[in-house]
Protein backbone atom coordinates (compact mmCIF):
# COMPACT_ATOMS: atom_id res chain seq x y z
CA UNK A 1 0.00 0.00 0.00
CA UNK A 2 2.84 2.41 0.78
CA UNK A 3 4.32 1.82 -2.66
CA UNK A 4 0.97 2.59 -4.29
CA UNK A 5 0.62 5.85 -2.37
CA UNK A 6 4.19 6.83 -3.27
CA UNK A 7 3.51 6.22 -6.97
CA UNK A 8 0.26 8.16 -6.89
CA UNK A 9 2.12 11.11 -5.38
CA UNK A 10 5.07 10.81 -7.76
CA UNK A 11 2.84 10.59 -10.85
CA UNK A 12 0.46 13.29 -9.51
CA UNK A 13 -2.54 10.96 -9.91
CA UNK A 14 -5.73 11.55 -7.98
CA UNK A 15 -7.94 8.41 -7.99
CA UNK A 16 -11.12 10.39 -7.34
CA UNK A 17 -10.60 12.27 -10.61
CA UNK A 18 -10.41 8.99 -12.54
CA UNK A 19 -13.96 7.99 -11.62
CA UNK A 20 -16.28 8.69 -14.56
CA UNK A 21 -19.52 7.35 -13.09
CA UNK A 22 -20.92 6.89 -9.56
CA UNK A 23 -23.82 4.62 -8.63
CA UNK A 24 -25.63 4.01 -5.38
CA UNK A 25 -25.87 0.48 -4.02
CA UNK A 26 -29.46 0.34 -5.25
CA UNK A 27 -28.30 0.84 -8.86
CA UNK A 28 -25.54 -1.74 -8.87
CA UNK A 29 -27.06 -3.66 -11.81
CA UNK A 30 -26.88 -0.52 -13.97
CA UNK A 31 -23.27 -0.01 -12.86
CA UNK A 32 -22.33 -3.55 -13.90
CA UNK A 33 -24.12 -3.14 -17.25
CA UNK A 34 -22.17 0.05 -17.97
CA UNK A 35 -18.87 -1.56 -16.97
CA UNK A 36 -19.64 -4.55 -19.17
CA UNK A 37 -20.40 -2.30 -22.14
CA UNK A 38 -16.91 -0.77 -22.06
CA UNK A 39 -18.33 2.76 -22.52
CA UNK A 40 -16.89 4.20 -19.33
CA UNK A 41 -13.75 4.78 -17.36
CA UNK A 42 -13.74 3.91 -13.68
CA UNK A 43 -17.12 3.13 -12.12
CA UNK A 44 -17.64 3.50 -8.37
CA UNK A 45 -20.47 1.91 -6.41
CA UNK A 46 -21.02 4.07 -3.33
CA UNK A 47 -23.12 4.14 -0.24
CA UNK A 48 -26.07 6.46 -0.76
CA UNK A 49 -24.59 9.31 1.31
CA UNK A 50 -21.37 9.17 -0.77
CA UNK A 51 -23.34 9.24 -4.03
CA UNK A 52 -24.39 12.86 -3.59
CA UNK A 53 -20.84 14.14 -2.96
CA UNK A 54 -19.48 13.76 -6.53
C-alpha cells in the first residue's frame, strides 16, 4: 500500500478524478451493465450518502 501511495504522489494521480460514473448500491445492476459495455472509465459503487458528494 505504501508503494501505491508513493507512486500516486510521484505521478500526480488523484484516484477520485479517474472515476467517470458513480452509482448508489441500489443501482448496482446498472453499474455492472455500464462496466460490461466498455463505454466508461472507472465506475464507483457508493453508499447512498457518498453518491451525492461527486
